[in-house]
Amino acid sequence: MSETNHPTLLLAFYGDDFTGSTDALEVLAFAGLRCALFLNPPTSEQLATLGGFDAIGVAGDSRAMTPAEMEPALTPVFAALRALDAPVIHYKVCSTFDSAPDIGSIGRVMEIARKGFGAQAIPIVAGTPALKRYCTFGNLFARSATDGKIYRIDRHPIMSAHPVTPMDEGDLLRHLERQTDMPLAGFFLPNFDDGREALDRAWQVALDAAPAGLLLDTATRAHLTEVGRLLDGYAKAHGPVFAVGSSGLEYALTQWWAEQGTLPAITRSFDRIEPATPILAMSGSASPLSAAQIDAAIAAGFADIAIDARSLIDDREGPRAFDDIVNRALDALRERRSVVMHTARGPRDPRIGEMLDALVAQGMTRDEARHRGGRTLGQRLGAIAEAVLKAEPLRRLILSGGDTSSQVTKVLGPDALEIDTRLAPGAPLCRVISEKPHLRELQVALKGGQMGDADFFVSAQDGNVT
């Protein structure tokens, strides 16, 4: 989009977990933009050294933070992103908006952002039709990959039963009002019915009411294009604009830029995946879909390593459990067998409950056990991945579960990720940018528990070469 080595960024985003970050990156890359995902906010000088980007992202883990942890963690990140002079700064959340007042609070994020970006309204984009996510009259609906049906999010078989942030409210305004006292408002579907002139008037009326956050309905691709047009105009008039939402925001802006004819020509295909055997798949998700993906991998010949979460995070038992897991994985990989290791095989698997019970017995509350136990477990899984990769460098690593993906990737510590190829919507295969020898040739896919089909791990191994 720019012919210099110092292009003006069109967009900068922070992902509240690593899986959501690669989802947003995928949309931008597939639209033809040059973009990369960093673990820390890059400086303008770093971006210029790397050759310049049209958009950049920073992968974070605030989805697993308490409100008290958010302010010291996010304030410097938001300041660094604002310093890059992108017209839109996007706080990327999961397309299912799962969050709570005490963990991953989106409301608290908006309060922090307004201290640095000013009191203008924060657009909130929820619908992502490409991922079968729809927002109508403020209510969020999502397809379940377990049966293909569309559910209001509080009746979704996976998200309503999320082990940490279950979605028990389908009205996103009510959901977010639990997380902040700031005034929120909705911009609903009827506003999109009467042409652009009327839409612009309605948008201005909504902004003039001065809400802290303004939730935009999106149920179709055409709605998203109009949202992109509104956001682009808002940023040009008032930028930099801080916005919250799913990758629907990236779809919205790129669709509008495509209509304007300002996107670069796409010069490469992202559809070809070479086979890679063996691979390592690690799942920290307890969703029914993740269980089906684990089952399919085992049926396809992956070595099955069931991880006892309680033992792995225990100070006394942990080192022995760690060594056993690493050694079993290496034995299988050296026999050219792919490995799938998992901490749960569906929501009824007792292993996570046993870990939480053990932590509660040590004096933690149930909420503290979920928060601290989940983070520690993810970090131990990251250490396992690093030990395996150092002993047996692999071409491909697949991570399942939002918090797991974030913690494992943080432990591995790549410099950045770039999109390599398409694997499943919202869960692309990325190329690692790193000087670490065990990471140099690595491809990694990061996916949430609700992403992909039952053959996701198998497809990641076999590719699509005929």
Protein backbone atom coordinates (compact mmCIF):
# COMPACT_ATOMS: atom_id res chain seq x y z
CA MET A 1 0.00 0.00 0.00
CA SER A 2 3.07 2.19 0.24
CA GLU A 3 6.10 2.25 -2.03
CA THR A 4 8.54 3.43 0.65
CA ASN A 5 10.25 1.56 3.45
CA HIS A 6 8.46 3.79 5.94
CA PRO A 7 4.76 3.37 5.14
CA THR A 8 2.10 4.91 7.27
CA LEU A 9 0.39 2.20 9.24
CA LEU A 10 -3.27 1.79 8.45
CA LEU A 11 -4.03 -0.17 11.61
CA ALA A 12 -2.38 -1.37 14.80
CA PHE A 13 -3.99 -3.89 17.11
CA TYR A 14 -3.48 -5.59 20.44
CA GLY A 15 -4.92 -9.10 20.78
CA ASP A 16 -6.17 -10.12 24.19
CA ASP A 17 -4.87 -13.61 23.49
CA PHE A 18 -2.57 -15.10 20.90
CA THR A 19 -5.20 -17.08 19.00
CA GLY A 20 -7.30 -13.99 18.45
CA SER A 21 -4.21 -12.10 17.37
CA THR A 22 -3.45 -14.49 14.52
CA ASP A 23 -7.13 -14.36 13.52
CA ALA A 24 -6.87 -10.60 12.96
CA LEU A 25 -3.49 -10.97 11.26
CA GLU A 26 -4.98 -13.53 8.87
CA VAL A 27 -7.67 -11.13 7.67
CA LEU A 28 -5.14 -8.39 6.97
CA ALA A 29 -2.67 -10.67 5.19
CA PHE A 30 -5.31 -12.33 3.03
CA ALA A 31 -6.44 -8.83 1.95
CA GLY A 32 -2.94 -8.20 0.59
CA LEU A 33 -1.48 -6.08 3.38
CA ARG A 34 2.03 -6.62 4.68
CA CYS A 35 1.70 -7.26 8.39
CA ALA A 36 3.33 -9.02 11.32
CA LEU A 37 2.46 -9.97 14.86
CA PHE A 38 4.89 -9.01 17.63
CA LEU A 39 5.10 -10.09 21.26
CA ASN A 40 5.99 -6.54 22.32
CA PRO A 41 5.08 -3.22 20.70
CA PRO A 42 7.66 -2.44 18.01
CA THR A 43 9.16 1.00 17.61
CA SER A 44 9.00 2.95 14.36
CA GLU A 45 12.71 2.27 13.94
CA GLN A 46 12.22 -1.48 14.30
CA LEU A 47 9.43 -1.43 11.74
CA ALA A 48 11.58 0.49 9.29
CA THR A 49 14.46 -1.96 9.80
CA LEU A 50 12.17 -4.87 8.96
CA GLY A 51 11.15 -3.17 5.72
CA GLY A 52 7.89 -1.51 6.65
CA PHE A 53 4.38 -2.81 7.26
CA ASP A 54 0.88 -1.72 6.38
CA ALA A 55 -0.47 -3.06 9.70
CA ILE A 56 0.98 -4.60 12.84
CA GLY A 57 -0.35 -6.46 15.84
CA VAL A 58 0.84 -7.16 19.35
CA ALA A 59 -0.12 -10.50 20.84
CA GLY A 60 -1.09 -10.26 24.48
CA ASP A 61 -2.78 -12.25 27.21
CA SER A 62 -5.08 -9.74 28.89
CA ARG A 63 -8.01 -12.09 28.37
CA ALA A 64 -6.61 -14.01 31.35
CA MET A 65 -5.84 -10.93 33.49
CA THR A 66 -7.70 -9.52 36.45
CA PRO A 67 -8.72 -5.84 36.30
CA ALA A 68 -5.91 -4.99 38.74
CA GLU A 69 -3.37 -6.60 36.42
CA MET A 70 -4.70 -4.84 33.32
CA GLU A 71 -3.80 -1.21 34.02
CA PRO A 72 -0.03 -1.64 34.53
CA ALA A 73 0.12 -4.14 31.67
CA LEU A 74 -1.98 -2.32 29.07
CA THR A 75 -1.25 1.36 29.69
CA PRO A 76 2.30 1.28 28.24
CA VAL A 77 1.18 -0.95 25.36
CA PHE A 78 -1.59 1.45 24.36
CA ALA A 79 0.83 4.38 24.60
CA ALA A 80 3.35 2.59 22.39
CA LEU A 81 0.70 1.73 19.80
CA ARG A 82 -0.59 5.30 19.75
CA ALA A 83 2.96 6.52 19.13
CA LEU A 84 2.99 4.59 15.85
CA ASP A 85 0.42 7.06 14.43
CA ALA A 86 -2.00 4.47 13.06
CA PRO A 87 -5.46 6.02 12.54
CA VAL A 88 -7.17 3.03 14.22
CA ILE A 89 -5.94 1.19 17.31
CA HIS A 90 -7.92 -2.03 17.74
CA TYR A 91 -8.26 -3.93 21.01
CA LYS A 92 -8.94 -7.37 19.53
CA VAL A 93 -11.20 -9.66 21.56
CA CYS A 94 -12.52 -13.11 20.82
CA SER A 95 -15.46 -13.16 18.41
CA THR A 96 -17.53 -14.73 21.19
CA PHE A 97 -16.78 -11.79 23.57
CA ASP A 98 -16.26 -14.18 26.49
CA SER A 99 -15.09 -12.08 29.42
CA ALA A 100 -16.14 -11.31 32.97
CA PRO A 101 -15.91 -8.50 35.54
CA ASP A 102 -13.07 -10.33 37.30
CA ILE A 103 -11.20 -11.91 34.34
CA GLY A 104 -10.55 -10.41 30.92
CA SER A 105 -12.84 -7.45 31.55
CA ILE A 106 -13.47 -5.61 28.28
CA GLY A 107 -15.17 -2.83 30.25
CA ARG A 108 -12.03 -2.25 32.28
CA VAL A 109 -9.99 -2.12 29.08
CA MET A 110 -12.20 0.67 27.74
CA GLU A 111 -11.77 2.63 30.97
CA ILE A 112 -7.98 2.34 30.66
CA ALA A 113 -8.03 3.29 26.99
CA ARG A 114 -10.04 6.46 27.53
CA LYS A 115 -7.28 7.77 29.82
CA GLY A 116 -4.85 7.68 26.91
CA PHE A 117 -7.06 8.22 23.87
CA GLY A 118 -9.52 10.77 25.21
CA ALA A 119 -13.25 10.80 25.79
CA GLN A 120 -14.49 10.11 22.26
CA ALA A 121 -16.79 7.14 21.79
CA ILE A 122 -15.16 3.72 21.47
CA PRO A 123 -16.69 1.76 18.56
CA ILE A 124 -17.44 -1.87 19.47
CA VAL A 125 -17.63 -4.31 16.52
CA ALA A 126 -19.00 -7.73 17.43
CA GLY A 127 -20.30 -9.51 14.33
CA THR A 128 -17.94 -11.53 12.13
CA PRO A 129 -20.10 -13.21 9.46
CA ALA A 130 -17.07 -14.94 7.89
CA LEU A 131 -16.72 -16.85 11.19
CA LYS A 132 -20.49 -17.32 11.53
CA ARG A 133 -20.76 -14.70 14.28
CA TYR A 134 -23.67 -12.27 14.06
CA CYS A 135 -24.75 -9.29 16.17
CA THR A 136 -28.39 -8.17 15.87
CA PHE A 137 -30.00 -5.60 18.15
CA GLY A 138 -26.98 -5.98 20.39
CA ASN A 139 -27.38 -9.74 20.79
CA LEU A 140 -24.51 -12.00 19.77
CA PHE A 141 -25.08 -15.27 17.91
CA ALA A 142 -22.48 -17.86 16.94
CA ARG A 143 -22.30 -21.13 15.07
CA SER A 144 -21.21 -24.19 17.02
CA ALA A 145 -18.80 -26.44 15.14
CA THR A 146 -20.11 -29.40 17.14
CA ASP A 147 -23.47 -29.46 15.32
CA GLY A 148 -23.36 -26.62 12.79
CA LYS A 149 -26.26 -24.73 14.39
CA ILE A 150 -26.42 -21.02 15.22
CA TYR A 151 -27.01 -20.20 18.90
CA ARG A 152 -27.41 -17.03 20.89
CA ILE A 153 -24.13 -16.88 22.73
CA ASP A 154 -25.64 -17.59 26.16
CA ARG A 155 -27.10 -20.82 24.75
CA HIS A 156 -24.03 -21.84 22.77
CA PRO A 157 -23.01 -25.37 23.81
CA ILE A 158 -19.33 -24.42 24.09
CA MET A 159 -19.25 -20.76 25.10
CA SER A 160 -22.08 -20.93 27.64
CA ALA A 161 -20.01 -23.59 29.43
CA HIS A 162 -16.57 -21.95 29.13
CA PRO A 163 -14.60 -23.06 32.22
CA VAL A 164 -13.31 -19.57 33.08
CA THR A 165 -15.57 -16.97 31.41
CA PRO A 166 -18.89 -18.65 30.58
CA MET A 167 -21.17 -16.47 28.46
CA ASP A 168 -24.46 -16.31 30.36
CA GLU A 169 -25.78 -13.12 28.71
CA GLY A 170 -26.50 -12.76 25.00
CA ASP A 171 -27.14 -8.99 25.06
CA LEU A 172 -23.64 -7.54 24.71
CA LEU A 173 -24.59 -4.17 26.14
CA ARG A 174 -25.85 -5.84 29.32
CA HIS A 175 -22.81 -8.12 29.29
CA LEU A 176 -20.41 -5.16 29.11
CA GLU A 177 -22.40 -3.07 31.59
CA ARG A 178 -21.48 -5.68 34.20
CA GLN A 179 -17.85 -4.74 33.58
CA THR A 180 -17.98 -0.93 33.58
CA ASP A 181 -20.08 1.97 34.83
CA MET A 182 -19.39 3.99 31.68
CA PRO A 183 -22.45 4.72 29.50
CA LEU A 184 -22.82 2.39 26.51
CA ALA A 185 -25.18 2.59 23.53
CA GLY A 186 -26.14 0.51 20.52
CA PHE A 187 -26.20 1.23 16.78
CA PHE A 188 -28.64 -1.31 15.41
CA LEU A 189 -29.65 -2.91 12.11
CA PRO A 190 -32.44 -0.50 11.07
CA ASN A 191 -29.82 2.22 10.70
CA PHE A 192 -28.30 0.26 7.80
CA ASP A 193 -31.55 0.08 5.76
CA ASP A 194 -31.94 3.54 4.23
CA GLY A 195 -28.78 4.30 2.29
CA ARG A 196 -25.50 5.93 3.17
CA GLU A 197 -26.76 9.47 3.64
CA ALA A 198 -29.30 8.39 6.25
CA LEU A 199 -26.75 6.04 7.80
CA ASP A 200 -24.25 8.86 8.19
CA ARG A 201 -26.86 11.07 9.86
CA ALA A 202 -27.79 8.29 12.29
CA TRP A 203 -24.10 7.68 13.04
CA GLN A 204 -23.54 11.34 13.84
CA VAL A 205 -26.61 11.41 16.10
CA ALA A 206 -25.27 8.36 17.93
CA LEU A 207 -21.85 10.00 18.39
CA ASP A 208 -23.39 13.30 19.51
CA ALA A 209 -25.07 11.46 22.40
CA ALA A 210 -21.52 10.96 23.70
CA PRO A 211 -21.58 7.32 24.88
CA ALA A 212 -18.32 5.90 26.14
CA GLY A 213 -18.82 2.87 23.93
CA LEU A 214 -21.00 2.36 20.84
CA LEU A 215 -21.87 -1.22 19.86
CA LEU A 216 -22.49 -1.72 16.14
CA ASP A 217 -24.72 -4.49 14.82
CA THR A 218 -23.31 -6.58 11.95
CA ALA A 219 -25.14 -9.53 10.46
CA THR A 220 -23.95 -9.54 6.84
CA ARG A 221 -20.84 -8.82 4.82
CA ALA A 222 -22.55 -5.67 3.48
CA HIS A 223 -23.15 -4.42 7.03
CA LEU A 224 -19.45 -4.88 7.76
CA THR A 225 -18.43 -2.88 4.70
CA GLU A 226 -20.58 0.00 5.94
CA VAL A 227 -19.07 -0.33 9.40
CA GLY A 228 -15.64 -0.09 7.78
CA ARG A 229 -16.69 3.06 5.95
CA LEU A 230 -17.99 4.62 9.18
CA LEU A 231 -14.83 3.72 11.10
CA ASP A 232 -12.57 5.02 8.33
CA GLY A 233 -14.40 8.34 8.29
CA TYR A 234 -14.45 8.52 12.09
CA ALA A 235 -10.68 7.96 12.22
CA LYS A 236 -10.00 10.61 9.58
CA ALA A 237 -12.11 13.12 11.50
CA HIS A 238 -11.11 12.26 15.07
CA GLY A 239 -8.16 9.84 14.92
CA PRO A 240 -6.47 8.08 16.37
CA VAL A 241 -9.57 6.06 17.18
CA PHE A 242 -9.48 3.33 19.80
CA ALA A 243 -11.91 0.53 18.94
CA VAL A 244 -12.89 -2.79 20.52
CA GLY A 245 -14.05 -5.87 18.68
CA SER A 246 -13.51 -9.15 16.95
CA SER A 247 -11.69 -9.62 13.65
CA GLY A 248 -14.93 -8.28 12.19
CA LEU A 249 -13.19 -4.91 12.51
CA GLU A 250 -10.39 -6.05 10.18
CA TYR A 251 -12.93 -7.49 7.77
CA ALA A 252 -14.88 -4.21 7.90
CA LEU A 253 -11.92 -1.98 7.11
CA THR A 254 -10.35 -4.20 4.43
CA GLN A 255 -13.71 -4.65 2.70
CA TRP A 256 -14.20 -0.89 2.62
CA TRP A 257 -10.64 -0.30 1.36
CA ALA A 258 -11.23 -2.95 -1.31
CA GLU A 259 -14.38 -1.14 -2.44
CA GLN A 260 -12.34 2.07 -2.63
CA GLY A 261 -9.69 0.31 -4.72
CA THR A 262 -6.86 1.20 -2.33
CA LEU A 263 -5.72 -2.29 -1.36
CA PRO A 264 -2.61 -3.69 -3.07
CA ALA A 265 -2.92 -6.55 -5.52
CA ILE A 266 -2.63 -9.94 -3.81
CA THR A 267 0.53 -11.48 -5.22
CA ARG A 268 0.57 -14.87 -3.54
CA SER A 269 -1.76 -17.72 -2.65
CA PHE A 270 -2.26 -18.73 0.96
CA ASP A 271 -4.08 -21.96 0.17
CA ARG A 272 -1.29 -24.53 -0.28
CA ILE A 273 -0.18 -26.46 2.81
CA GLU A 274 2.65 -28.96 2.47
CA PRO A 275 2.51 -32.07 4.66
CA ALA A 276 4.75 -32.09 7.72
CA THR A 277 5.42 -35.26 9.68
CA PRO A 278 5.82 -35.46 12.57
CA ILE A 279 4.13 -32.51 14.25
CA LEU A 280 3.43 -31.65 17.87
CA ALA A 281 -0.11 -30.66 18.86
CA MET A 282 -0.79 -29.34 22.37
CA SER A 283 -4.32 -28.77 23.65
CA GLY A 284 -5.29 -26.97 26.84
CA SER A 285 -8.93 -26.62 25.79
CA ALA A 286 -11.80 -28.49 27.44
CA SER A 287 -14.34 -27.77 24.69
CA PRO A 288 -16.31 -30.60 23.02
CA LEU A 289 -14.83 -29.59 19.66
CA SER A 290 -11.29 -29.88 21.00
CA ALA A 291 -12.17 -33.35 22.30
CA ALA A 292 -13.34 -34.34 18.82
CA GLN A 293 -10.11 -32.98 17.32
CA ILE A 294 -8.02 -34.96 19.81
CA ASP A 295 -10.05 -38.11 19.07
CA ALA A 296 -9.55 -37.67 15.33
CA ALA A 297 -5.80 -37.19 15.75
CA ILE A 298 -5.44 -40.33 17.86
CA ALA A 299 -7.52 -42.30 15.36
CA ALA A 300 -5.15 -41.06 12.63
CA GLY A 301 -2.13 -42.45 14.46
CA PHE A 302 -0.94 -39.54 16.62
CA ALA A 303 0.75 -40.63 19.84
CA ASP A 304 -1.64 -39.90 22.72
CA ILE A 305 -0.14 -38.13 25.76
CA ALA A 306 -2.73 -37.33 28.43
CA ILE A 307 -1.31 -34.74 30.83
CA ASP A 308 -2.22 -34.84 34.51
CA ALA A 309 -2.60 -31.10 35.13
CA ARG A 310 -2.59 -31.47 38.92
CA SER A 311 0.75 -33.30 38.91
CA LEU A 312 2.37 -31.03 36.33
CA ILE A 313 1.84 -27.84 38.36
CA ASP A 314 2.66 -29.44 41.72
CA ASP A 315 6.01 -28.31 43.15
CA ARG A 316 6.98 -31.82 44.22
CA GLU A 317 5.49 -33.96 41.46
CA GLY A 318 5.95 -31.44 38.66
CA PRO A 319 9.58 -32.12 37.67
CA ARG A 320 8.98 -35.85 37.35
CA ALA A 321 5.76 -35.31 35.37
CA PHE A 322 7.56 -32.79 33.15
CA ASP A 323 10.41 -35.19 32.32
CA ASP A 324 7.98 -38.05 31.62
CA ILE A 325 5.92 -35.95 29.18
CA VAL A 326 8.99 -34.66 27.34
CA ASN A 327 10.57 -38.11 27.07
CA ARG A 328 7.37 -39.75 25.82
CA ALA A 329 6.93 -37.02 23.23
CA LEU A 330 10.52 -37.32 22.03
CA ASP A 331 10.30 -41.10 21.76
CA ALA A 332 7.25 -40.81 19.49
CA LEU A 333 8.61 -37.94 17.39
CA ARG A 334 11.90 -39.79 16.78
CA GLU A 335 9.81 -42.69 15.49
CA ARG A 336 8.28 -40.17 13.04
CA ARG A 337 4.91 -40.23 14.81
CA SER A 338 3.05 -37.00 15.41
CA VAL A 339 2.05 -36.29 19.01
CA VAL A 340 -1.10 -34.86 20.52
CA MET A 341 -0.86 -33.96 24.20
CA HIS A 342 -3.85 -32.67 26.13
CA THR A 343 -4.92 -31.52 29.59
CA ALA A 344 -8.60 -32.31 29.01
CA ARG A 345 -10.64 -34.35 26.57
CA GLY A 346 -13.94 -32.50 26.68
CA PRO A 347 -15.84 -30.65 29.43
CA ARG A 348 -16.49 -33.81 31.48
CA ASP A 349 -12.83 -34.75 31.76
CA PRO A 350 -12.02 -34.63 35.52
CA ARG A 351 -8.37 -33.57 35.19
CA ILE A 352 -8.84 -29.78 35.35
CA GLY A 353 -11.29 -30.15 38.23
CA GLU A 354 -8.74 -32.24 40.12
CA MET A 355 -6.12 -29.53 39.59
CA LEU A 356 -8.49 -26.87 40.90
CA ASP A 357 -9.47 -29.01 43.89
CA ALA A 358 -5.81 -29.42 44.81
CA LEU A 359 -5.21 -25.67 44.66
CA VAL A 360 -8.31 -24.93 46.72
CA ALA A 361 -7.05 -27.44 49.30
CA GLN A 362 -3.89 -25.32 49.52
CA GLY A 363 -5.99 -22.29 50.54
CA MET A 364 -6.93 -20.62 47.25
CA THR A 365 -10.45 -19.59 46.40
CA ARG A 366 -12.01 -21.32 43.40
CA ASP A 367 -11.58 -18.19 41.29
CA GLU A 368 -7.93 -17.81 42.34
CA ALA A 369 -7.36 -21.47 41.49
CA ARG A 370 -8.79 -21.02 38.00
CA HIS A 371 -6.74 -17.90 37.37
CA ARG A 372 -3.40 -18.93 38.84
CA GLY A 373 -3.73 -22.60 38.01
CA GLY A 374 -4.55 -21.96 34.36
CA ARG A 375 -1.65 -19.56 33.97
CA THR A 376 0.83 -21.90 35.65
CA LEU A 377 -0.38 -24.83 33.56
CA GLY A 378 0.08 -22.84 30.36
CA GLN A 379 3.60 -21.86 31.40
CA ARG A 380 4.52 -25.49 32.16
CA LEU A 381 3.17 -26.52 28.75
CA GLY A 382 5.33 -23.80 27.21
CA ALA A 383 8.39 -25.20 28.97
CA ILE A 384 7.51 -28.66 27.64
CA ALA A 385 7.21 -27.32 24.09
CA GLU A 386 10.56 -25.56 24.39
CA ALA A 387 12.30 -28.66 25.75
CA VAL A 388 10.90 -30.81 22.95
CA LEU A 389 11.81 -28.33 20.21
CA LYS A 390 15.35 -27.90 21.50
CA ALA A 391 15.88 -31.67 21.58
CA GLU A 392 14.05 -32.44 18.33
CA PRO A 393 13.48 -29.39 16.09
CA LEU A 394 10.16 -29.66 14.27
CA ARG A 395 8.63 -27.91 11.32
CA ARG A 396 5.15 -27.49 12.77
CA LEU A 397 3.62 -26.82 16.22
CA ILE A 398 -0.14 -26.64 16.76
CA LEU A 399 -1.57 -25.03 19.91
CA SER A 400 -5.21 -25.29 20.96
CA GLY A 401 -6.88 -23.17 23.62
CA GLY A 402 -6.66 -19.39 23.90
CA ASP A 403 -4.86 -19.17 27.25
CA THR A 404 -2.66 -22.18 26.43
CA SER A 405 -1.60 -20.67 23.10
CA SER A 406 -0.75 -17.35 24.75
CA GLN A 407 1.35 -18.82 27.56
CA VAL A 408 3.17 -21.36 25.37
CA THR A 409 4.06 -18.73 22.78
CA LYS A 410 5.27 -16.32 25.47
CA VAL A 411 7.58 -19.00 26.84
CA LEU A 412 8.97 -19.79 23.37
CA GLY A 413 9.52 -16.06 22.80
CA PRO A 414 9.65 -15.58 19.00
CA ASP A 415 10.35 -12.06 17.76
CA ALA A 416 7.25 -12.01 15.56
CA LEU A 417 4.87 -14.11 13.48
CA GLU A 418 3.83 -13.69 9.86
CA ILE A 419 0.95 -15.46 8.12
CA ASP A 420 2.19 -18.41 6.10
CA THR A 421 -0.93 -20.15 4.83
CA ARG A 422 -4.60 -20.83 5.41
CA LEU A 423 -5.45 -23.73 7.74
CA ALA A 424 -8.92 -22.98 9.15
CA PRO A 425 -10.87 -19.71 9.36
CA GLY A 426 -9.53 -17.75 12.30
CA ALA A 427 -6.65 -20.17 12.85
CA PRO A 428 -3.96 -19.73 10.17
CA LEU A 429 -0.57 -21.35 9.96
CA CYS A 430 2.10 -18.78 10.82
CA ARG A 431 5.83 -18.55 10.19
CA VAL A 432 7.98 -17.78 13.22
CA ILE A 433 10.50 -14.93 12.96
CA SER A 434 13.32 -15.68 15.40
CA GLU A 435 17.09 -15.99 15.67
CA LYS A 436 16.71 -18.91 18.10
CA PRO A 437 17.97 -22.05 16.30
CA HIS A 438 15.09 -24.27 17.44
CA LEU A 439 12.50 -21.76 16.18
CA ARG A 440 13.99 -20.64 12.86
CA GLU A 441 12.17 -23.10 10.60
CA LEU A 442 9.04 -23.40 12.75
CA GLN A 443 5.46 -22.94 11.63
CA VAL A 444 2.86 -22.50 14.37
CA ALA A 445 -0.93 -22.43 14.43
CA LEU A 446 -2.79 -20.96 17.40
CA LYS A 447 -6.48 -21.74 17.75
CA GLY A 448 -9.25 -21.24 20.23
CA GLY A 449 -11.24 -24.19 21.50
CA GLN A 450 -14.16 -23.37 19.21
CA MET A 451 -12.13 -23.05 15.98
CA GLY A 452 -11.59 -25.55 13.17
CA ASP A 453 -13.32 -28.80 12.30
CA ALA A 454 -12.84 -32.24 13.80
CA ASP A 455 -9.88 -33.00 11.50
CA PHE A 456 -7.95 -29.83 12.38
CA PHE A 457 -4.87 -31.56 13.83
CA VAL A 458 -4.85 -34.16 11.09
CA SER A 459 -5.10 -31.49 8.39
CA ALA A 460 -2.24 -29.61 10.04
CA GLN A 461 -0.11 -32.74 9.63
CA ASP A 462 -1.25 -33.92 6.20
CA GLY A 463 -1.65 -30.57 4.45
CA ASN A 464 -3.73 -30.34 1.31
CA VAL A 465 -1.26 -31.42 -1.37
CA THR A 466 -2.85 -33.85 -3.85
